[in-house]
Protein backbone atom coordinates (compact mmCIF):
# COMPACT_ATOMS: atom_id res chain seq x y z
CA MET A 1 -14.39 6.59 -19.85
CA PRO A 2 -15.03 3.00 -21.02
CA ILE A 3 -16.49 0.65 -18.45
CA VAL A 4 -16.12 -3.06 -19.20
CA SER A 5 -16.58 -6.32 -17.36
CA ARG A 6 -14.29 -9.25 -18.07
CA GLU A 7 -17.15 -11.68 -17.57
CA PRO A 8 -20.80 -11.29 -16.58
CA ARG A 9 -21.06 -10.85 -12.86
CA THR A 10 -22.30 -14.01 -11.16
CA ARG A 11 -24.40 -14.32 -8.07
CA ARG A 12 -22.63 -13.76 -4.81
CA THR A 13 -20.92 -16.69 -3.17
CA THR A 14 -23.07 -19.83 -3.16
CA ARG A 15 -23.93 -21.67 0.03
CA THR A 16 -21.45 -24.40 -0.90
CA THR A 17 -18.62 -21.89 -1.34
CA ARG A 18 -19.53 -20.17 1.92
CA ILE A 19 -19.40 -23.45 3.81
CA ALA A 20 -16.10 -24.44 2.17
CA ALA A 21 -14.48 -21.10 2.93
CA ALA A 22 -15.74 -21.10 6.50
CA GLY A 23 -14.48 -24.66 6.91
CA ALA A 24 -11.05 -23.71 5.62
CA VAL A 25 -10.80 -20.83 8.08
CA ALA A 26 -12.01 -22.97 10.97
CA ALA A 27 -9.55 -25.76 10.18
CA ALA A 28 -6.66 -23.34 9.93
CA ALA A 29 -7.76 -21.65 13.15
CA ALA A 30 -7.71 -24.96 14.95
CA ALA A 31 -4.20 -25.62 13.67
CA ILE A 32 -2.98 -22.24 14.89
CA LEU A 33 -4.73 -22.28 18.24
CA GLY A 34 -3.74 -25.86 18.92
CA ALA A 35 -0.08 -25.35 18.16
CA ALA A 36 2.55 -24.23 20.62
CA PRO A 37 3.37 -20.52 20.34
CA ALA A 38 5.91 -19.98 17.56
CA ALA A 39 6.23 -16.21 17.60
CA THR A 40 9.76 -14.93 17.19
CA ALA A 41 10.94 -11.52 18.28
CA ALA A 42 12.88 -9.88 15.47
CA THR A 43 16.36 -8.81 16.48
CA ALA A 44 16.65 -5.03 16.59
CA THR A 45 19.32 -2.44 17.15
CA SER A 46 17.43 0.08 19.30
CA PRO A 47 18.99 3.15 20.92
CA HIS A 48 15.66 3.95 22.63
CA SER A 49 15.24 0.63 24.42
CA GLY A 50 16.24 2.06 27.80
CA GLY A 51 12.72 2.91 28.94
CA ARG A 52 12.12 5.93 26.75
CA SER A 53 8.41 6.52 26.25
CA ALA A 54 7.46 6.02 22.62
CA GLY A 55 5.86 8.74 20.54
CA ALA A 56 3.80 8.23 17.39
CA PRO A 57 6.05 6.05 15.21
CA VAL A 58 6.98 6.07 11.55
CA PHE A 59 7.86 2.74 9.94
CA VAL A 60 9.76 2.41 6.65
CA GLN A 61 10.52 -0.69 4.57
CA SER A 62 13.98 -1.01 3.04
CA ASP A 63 13.02 -3.67 0.45
CA ASN A 64 16.64 -4.78 0.58
CA PRO A 65 16.98 -7.79 -1.78
CA THR A 66 19.50 -9.45 0.53
CA ALA A 67 17.45 -9.17 3.72
CA ASN A 68 14.35 -7.02 3.96
CA THR A 69 13.98 -4.86 7.05
CA VAL A 70 11.48 -2.46 8.58
CA LEU A 71 13.12 0.61 10.08
CA ALA A 72 11.37 2.27 13.02
CA TYR A 73 11.63 5.99 13.75
CA HIS A 74 10.55 7.90 16.84
CA ARG A 75 8.52 11.00 15.97
CA ALA A 76 9.21 13.98 18.20
CA ALA A 77 6.68 16.68 19.07
CA ASP A 78 8.08 18.90 16.32
CA GLY A 79 7.65 16.14 13.71
CA THR A 80 11.33 15.32 13.31
CA LEU A 81 12.41 11.68 13.24
CA SER A 82 15.15 9.76 15.04
CA PRO A 83 16.09 6.09 14.48
CA SER A 84 14.51 3.67 16.94
CA GLY A 85 15.34 0.24 15.55
CA ALA A 86 15.89 -2.04 12.55
CA TYR A 87 13.70 -5.15 12.37
CA PRO A 88 14.34 -8.04 9.95
CA THR A 89 11.19 -9.25 8.24
CA GLY A 90 12.47 -12.78 7.79
CA GLY A 91 12.26 -12.38 4.01
CA LYS A 92 13.92 -10.66 1.07
CA GLY A 93 13.05 -7.58 -0.90
CA GLY A 94 12.79 -7.64 -4.68
CA ILE A 95 13.59 -5.58 -7.75
CA LEU A 96 11.32 -5.44 -10.81
CA ASP A 97 13.03 -5.24 -14.19
CA GLY A 98 13.18 -1.66 -15.42
CA SER A 99 12.84 -0.07 -11.98
CA GLN A 100 15.28 2.55 -10.76
CA VAL A 101 14.25 4.49 -7.65
CA ASP A 102 11.18 2.33 -6.88
CA HIS A 103 12.01 -1.36 -6.98
CA LEU A 104 8.48 -2.61 -6.21
CA ALA A 105 6.77 -0.04 -8.47
CA SER A 106 3.85 -0.02 -6.06
CA GLN A 107 2.07 1.86 -3.31
CA GLY A 108 1.13 0.26 0.00
CA SER A 109 3.82 -2.38 0.58
CA LEU A 110 3.45 -1.67 4.30
CA ALA A 111 0.09 -1.52 6.09
CA TYR A 112 -0.40 -0.42 9.69
CA ASP A 113 -3.48 -1.66 11.58
CA ARG A 114 -3.32 0.84 14.43
CA GLY A 115 -6.47 -0.45 16.11
CA ASN A 116 -5.04 -3.92 16.57
CA GLY A 117 -1.38 -2.94 16.84
CA LEU A 118 -0.27 -4.91 13.78
CA LEU A 119 2.06 -4.09 10.90
CA TYR A 120 2.07 -6.02 7.61
CA ALA A 121 5.12 -6.01 5.30
CA VAL A 122 5.52 -7.70 1.91
CA ASN A 123 8.70 -9.60 1.04
CA ALA A 124 8.71 -9.48 -2.76
CA GLY A 125 11.86 -11.57 -3.18
CA SER A 126 10.57 -14.35 -0.91
CA ASN A 127 6.87 -14.39 -1.93
CA THR A 128 5.86 -13.89 1.69
CA LEU A 129 4.09 -11.51 4.05
CA THR A 130 5.38 -10.65 7.53
CA VAL A 131 3.18 -9.83 10.51
CA PHE A 132 4.62 -7.66 13.31
CA THR A 133 3.05 -6.52 16.55
CA VAL A 134 3.64 -2.83 17.27
CA HIS A 135 4.71 -1.64 20.73
CA GLY A 136 5.17 2.11 20.47
CA ASP A 137 8.09 2.52 18.08
CA HIS A 138 9.26 -1.09 18.54
CA LEU A 139 8.25 -4.22 16.63
CA GLN A 140 8.02 -7.93 17.33
CA ARG A 141 7.87 -10.33 14.40
CA LEU A 142 5.10 -12.90 14.86
CA GLN A 143 4.58 -14.63 11.54
CA VAL A 144 5.91 -15.03 8.01
CA ILE A 145 3.33 -16.51 5.64
CA GLY A 146 3.23 -17.23 1.92
CA SER A 147 1.63 -14.51 -0.20
CA GLY A 148 -0.26 -16.96 -2.44
CA GLY A 149 1.59 -15.82 -5.56
CA THR A 150 4.80 -14.39 -6.94
CA PHE A 151 6.36 -11.05 -5.96
CA PRO A 152 3.87 -9.44 -3.52
CA VAL A 153 3.90 -5.64 -3.80
CA SER A 154 0.90 -4.22 -1.90
CA VAL A 155 -1.15 -5.19 1.16
CA THR A 156 -4.42 -3.91 2.63
CA PHE A 157 -6.71 -4.78 5.56
CA HIS A 158 -10.20 -4.16 6.89
CA ASP A 159 -11.41 -5.56 10.22
CA ASN A 160 -10.24 -9.19 10.25
CA LEU A 161 -9.51 -9.40 6.52
CA VAL A 162 -6.10 -8.92 4.86
CA TYR A 163 -5.46 -9.00 1.11
CA VAL A 164 -2.20 -9.00 -0.85
CA VAL A 165 -1.66 -8.37 -4.56
CA ASN A 166 1.15 -10.30 -6.24
CA ALA A 167 2.80 -8.68 -9.27
CA LEU A 168 4.34 -11.44 -11.39
CA ASP A 169 3.14 -14.54 -13.26
CA GLY A 170 0.09 -12.66 -14.48
CA GLY A 171 -0.70 -11.07 -11.12
CA SER A 172 -2.95 -12.40 -8.39
CA LEU A 173 -5.01 -11.41 -5.37
CA GLN A 174 -4.88 -13.48 -2.19
CA GLY A 175 -7.04 -13.10 0.91
CA PHE A 176 -6.33 -13.97 4.53
CA ALA A 177 -8.47 -14.17 7.65
CA ARG A 178 -6.96 -12.63 10.77
CA LEU A 179 -7.33 -14.78 13.86
CA GLY A 180 -6.00 -12.82 16.81
CA ASN A 181 -2.54 -11.71 15.70
CA HIS A 182 -2.06 -14.39 13.03
CA LEU A 183 -3.16 -14.73 9.43
CA VAL A 184 -4.70 -17.74 7.75
CA ALA A 185 -4.69 -17.96 3.96
CA VAL A 186 -8.10 -18.88 2.52
CA PRO A 187 -7.58 -20.74 -0.79
CA SER A 188 -11.02 -19.80 -2.13
CA TRP A 189 -10.13 -16.12 -1.73
CA HIS A 190 -7.50 -16.29 -4.48
CA ARG A 191 -8.11 -14.51 -7.78
CA ALA A 192 -5.87 -14.52 -10.85
CA LEU A 193 -5.67 -11.07 -12.47
CA GLY A 194 -5.02 -12.45 -15.96
CA LEU A 195 -2.25 -10.00 -16.90
CA ASP A 196 0.34 -10.86 -19.57
CA PRO A 197 3.22 -12.46 -17.65
CA THR A 198 5.67 -11.79 -20.50
CA ALA A 199 4.97 -8.06 -20.90
CA THR A 200 7.99 -5.83 -20.39
CA PRO A 201 9.28 -3.90 -18.64
CA GLN A 202 7.92 -5.46 -15.46
CA PHE A 203 8.14 -2.08 -13.78
CA THR A 204 5.24 -0.66 -15.80
CA HIS A 205 3.31 -3.86 -16.61
CA THR A 206 2.44 -5.12 -13.13
CA PRO A 207 -0.22 -4.15 -10.54
CA GLY A 208 0.39 -0.89 -8.68
CA GLN A 209 -1.75 -1.16 -5.55
CA VAL A 210 -4.56 -2.98 -3.77
CA SER A 211 -6.79 -1.34 -1.16
CA PHE A 212 -10.12 -1.82 0.49
CA THR A 213 -12.66 0.95 0.09
CA PRO A 214 -13.18 2.80 3.40
CA ASP A 215 -16.28 0.73 4.24
CA GLY A 216 -14.55 -2.57 3.40
CA SER A 217 -17.18 -3.58 0.84
CA ARG A 218 -14.83 -3.64 -2.16
CA LEU A 219 -11.22 -4.14 -3.18
CA VAL A 220 -9.62 -1.80 -5.72
CA ILE A 221 -6.57 -2.72 -7.83
CA THR A 222 -4.63 -0.65 -10.37
CA THR A 223 -2.87 -2.44 -13.24
CA LYS A 224 -0.59 0.32 -14.60
CA ALA A 225 0.25 -0.27 -18.30
CA ALA A 226 -0.52 -4.00 -18.08
CA THR A 227 -4.18 -3.32 -18.97
CA ASN A 228 -4.54 0.41 -18.18
CA SER A 229 -7.48 -0.33 -15.92
CA ILE A 230 -8.80 0.02 -12.39
CA ASP A 231 -10.38 -3.23 -11.18
CA VAL A 232 -13.00 -3.37 -8.42
CA PHE A 233 -13.84 -6.64 -6.65
CA PRO A 234 -17.01 -6.52 -4.50
CA VAL A 235 -16.45 -8.39 -1.21
CA ASN A 236 -19.25 -10.49 0.26
CA PRO A 237 -20.09 -10.62 4.02
CA LEU A 238 -17.90 -13.69 4.48
CA GLY A 239 -14.88 -11.79 3.11
CA ALA A 240 -14.64 -13.40 -0.33
CA PRO A 241 -14.07 -11.26 -3.43
CA SER A 242 -16.37 -11.58 -6.43
CA ALA A 243 -15.38 -14.14 -9.05
CA HIS A 244 -14.53 -11.37 -11.51
CA PRO A 245 -13.91 -7.64 -11.12
CA VAL A 246 -15.81 -4.72 -12.53
CA VAL A 247 -13.20 -3.13 -14.78
CA THR A 248 -12.85 0.54 -15.62
CA ALA A 249 -10.59 1.09 -18.61
CA VAL A 250 -8.42 4.23 -18.59
CA PRO A 251 -6.59 4.08 -21.94
CA ASP A 252 -2.93 5.15 -21.87
CA ALA A 253 -3.28 6.50 -18.33
CA VAL A 254 -1.00 3.95 -16.57
CA PRO A 255 -3.00 4.08 -13.28
CA PHE A 256 -0.51 3.57 -10.46
CA GLY A 257 -1.19 4.58 -6.82
CA PHE A 258 -4.40 5.83 -5.25
CA THR A 259 -6.07 7.04 -2.09
CA PHE A 260 -9.56 7.86 -0.89
CA ASP A 261 -10.02 11.51 0.03
CA ARG A 262 -12.19 12.75 2.90
CA THR A 263 -15.27 12.90 0.62
CA GLY A 264 -14.88 9.21 -0.25
CA SER A 265 -13.76 9.85 -3.84
CA LEU A 266 -10.97 7.78 -5.35
CA GLN A 267 -7.92 9.84 -6.34
CA VAL A 268 -5.57 7.97 -8.72
CA THR A 269 -2.13 8.90 -10.00
CA GLU A 270 -1.81 8.45 -13.76
CA ALA A 271 1.82 8.03 -14.80
CA GLY A 272 0.98 8.26 -18.51
CA PRO A 273 -0.14 11.91 -18.60
CA ASN A 274 1.44 12.69 -15.17
CA ALA A 275 -1.83 13.62 -13.54
CA VAL A 276 -4.17 12.93 -10.64
CA ALA A 277 -7.60 11.67 -11.71
CA GLY A 278 -10.68 11.59 -9.49
CA PHE A 279 -13.44 8.97 -9.61
CA ASP A 280 -16.73 8.38 -7.84
CA LEU A 281 -17.54 4.75 -7.10
CA THR A 282 -21.12 3.78 -7.92
CA ARG A 283 -23.23 1.22 -6.05
CA ASP A 284 -22.64 -1.32 -8.84
CA SER A 285 -18.84 -0.85 -8.52
CA ARG A 286 -18.40 1.24 -11.64
CA LEU A 287 -16.04 4.23 -11.58
CA VAL A 288 -17.19 7.59 -12.94
CA GLN A 289 -14.41 10.07 -13.62
CA THR A 290 -14.82 13.54 -12.11
CA HIS A 291 -11.57 15.26 -13.08
CA VAL A 292 -8.05 14.86 -14.45
CA THR A 293 -5.54 17.34 -13.04
CA ALA A 294 -2.08 17.49 -14.63
CA THR A 295 0.85 17.89 -12.25
CA GLY A 296 3.27 19.26 -14.86
CA GLN A 297 5.90 16.96 -13.33
CA LEU A 298 7.54 13.65 -14.28
CA ALA A 299 6.64 10.12 -13.09
CA THR A 300 3.59 11.03 -11.00
CA CYS A 301 3.02 7.67 -9.32
CA TRP A 302 2.05 7.95 -5.61
CA VAL A 303 -0.55 9.97 -3.74
CA ILE A 304 -1.49 10.53 -0.09
CA ALA A 305 -4.52 12.26 1.44
CA THR A 306 -4.51 14.13 4.73
CA GLY A 307 -7.44 16.25 5.82
CA SER A 308 -8.61 18.34 2.87
CA HIS A 309 -5.30 18.03 1.02
CA LEU A 310 -3.65 15.64 -1.42
CA TYR A 311 0.05 15.24 -2.16
CA ALA A 312 1.28 13.44 -5.28
CA SER A 313 4.86 12.14 -5.51
CA ASN A 314 6.73 12.83 -8.77
CA ALA A 315 9.70 10.45 -8.87
CA GLY A 316 11.16 11.84 -12.09
CA SER A 317 11.11 15.44 -10.87
CA GLY A 318 11.99 14.94 -7.22
CA THR A 319 8.92 16.89 -6.10
CA LEU A 320 5.58 16.75 -4.30
CA SER A 321 2.51 18.32 -5.91
CA GLY A 322 0.00 19.64 -3.38
CA TYR A 323 -3.76 20.06 -3.91
CA ARG A 324 -6.85 21.08 -1.99
CA VAL A 325 -9.77 18.69 -2.41
CA ASP A 326 -13.11 20.15 -3.48
CA PRO A 327 -16.02 17.68 -3.21
CA HIS A 328 -16.72 15.96 -6.55
CA GLY A 329 -14.87 18.64 -8.49
CA PRO A 330 -11.43 19.63 -9.76
CA LEU A 331 -8.43 19.89 -7.47
CA THR A 332 -7.01 23.28 -6.51
CA ALA A 333 -3.22 23.38 -6.95
CA LEU A 334 -1.22 24.44 -3.90
CA GLY A 335 2.22 24.40 -5.50
CA THR A 336 5.22 22.11 -5.88
CA THR A 337 7.70 21.26 -3.13
CA PRO A 338 11.18 19.84 -3.84
CA THR A 339 12.40 16.67 -2.13
CA ASP A 340 15.56 14.61 -2.33
CA PRO A 341 15.84 12.74 -5.68
CA GLY A 342 13.42 9.93 -6.49
CA THR A 343 10.23 10.89 -4.62
CA VAL A 344 8.19 7.70 -4.03
CA ASP A 345 5.81 6.43 -1.31
CA ALA A 346 4.54 8.83 1.37
CA ALA A 347 2.59 8.82 4.64
CA ALA A 348 0.91 11.43 6.82
CA SER A 349 0.76 11.41 10.62
CA THR A 350 -2.67 10.63 12.02
CA ASP A 351 -2.97 14.14 13.44
CA GLY A 352 -2.36 15.58 9.95
CA ARG A 353 0.49 17.81 11.08
CA ASP A 354 3.38 16.03 9.37
CA LEU A 355 4.11 14.39 6.00
CA TYR A 356 6.88 11.88 5.38
CA VAL A 357 8.10 10.82 1.94
CA GLN A 358 10.60 8.19 0.84
CA THR A 359 13.18 9.28 -1.71
CA GLY A 360 14.40 6.17 -3.47
CA ALA A 361 17.46 7.54 -5.20
CA THR A 362 19.20 8.23 -1.90
CA GLY A 363 17.35 5.93 0.50
CA THR A 364 16.11 8.68 2.79
CA VAL A 365 12.87 9.91 4.33
CA ASP A 366 12.15 13.63 4.00
CA ALA A 367 9.92 15.17 6.68
CA PHE A 368 7.59 18.16 6.23
CA ARG A 369 5.31 20.14 8.52
CA VAL A 370 1.86 20.63 6.95
CA GLY A 371 0.49 24.16 7.29
CA PRO A 372 -3.22 24.98 7.73
CA ASN A 373 -3.36 26.01 4.05
CA GLY A 374 -1.63 22.81 2.92
CA SER A 375 1.82 24.36 2.50
CA LEU A 376 4.82 22.14 3.27
CA THR A 377 7.84 23.19 5.31
CA ALA A 378 10.89 20.91 5.33
CA ILE A 379 11.89 19.87 8.87
CA GLY A 380 14.68 17.39 8.17
CA SER A 381 15.60 14.02 6.69
CA VAL A 382 16.72 10.64 8.00
CA ALA A 383 18.63 7.84 6.31
CA VAL A 384 17.09 4.41 5.68
CA PRO A 385 19.94 1.87 5.91
CA GLY A 386 19.90 -0.35 2.82
CA GLY A 387 16.83 1.55 1.59
CA ALA A 388 17.89 2.90 -1.81
CA GLY A 389 15.06 1.98 -4.17
CA GLY A 390 12.88 0.89 -1.25
CA GLU A 391 9.16 1.52 -0.89
CA GLY A 392 6.67 1.26 1.94
CA ILE A 393 6.05 3.82 4.68
CA VAL A 394 3.36 4.29 7.35
CA ALA A 395 2.97 6.80 10.17
CA GLY A 396 1.23 6.87 13.52
């Protein structure tokens, strides 16, 4: 597995850069704190607004190119979902050229900060990011802020840091500091990814996902067929990414979505061979491959971890591939479960009992109960209004 670096790694942020970044955050903080409150409650149609106690919610993004919305669903004790409300993001969804059932061609376009009660949603067609506060299975829109690039597709957070990856114009990474419930863009936390902006189709030649490592010390980005690489940016104590990433080349793999399993290993979907590949992350931010496990399905692009199990979404086959995770070794196949057509992004409930998957061909969410052995039992589906081709789902 070739390991390359685009440029020699420089020293961590200099004192001058630290002071400049800190000054930018402080100035922006003063502007926010000194301004009159400008939060706007998003208008919602909510059948549960009459005092019903909220259960653990599931939120789904429609990515509607006319007006993006986040749909909220109440999760019952048996794992089934019922509509709770539709919340405009204040932006528009987007459609990458060449996409069919997955218009953003990404994983992680919604991010749920449960500890702080915040939900982040990308608006690809408006080049913005929306911040909601979460109140049970209801949302209030607080802020819409520029994404620092063109066509944002994935968002991640750790503590008071939020990062977005933008897909077009060569791709870019933009960082934000969270001050209370608001975000402040830090200009010095912007990194160009240097991808070919003319490569086609856009669907396969744009970034697939950005995520912090579990300890928040690094940012990981997949580039799909744009460069067939997984890029790792170390993050310094101030929150700034390194000037250049450590790049792991995975020729012809088309690395798409990823997750960290319970052992801390990185599990990546590879749409080229339709497989899930495992990597260990070294202290110097290199990736060492531990396995490649073929799914035998088509368009293996998304993956979710829950407990000791992994589930990969196969959009071309309309299936989920289940696996048991063995530490630093190959995956053990658990079988294939059919879904509605166009299996895309997925989320697991925090208690690990239920799995929810978007199906982009029909604009639905399929729900499954997770058995102790990792087996999946279908427990129903719900419609996502305006959600055909949409991506982005999180669960409480």
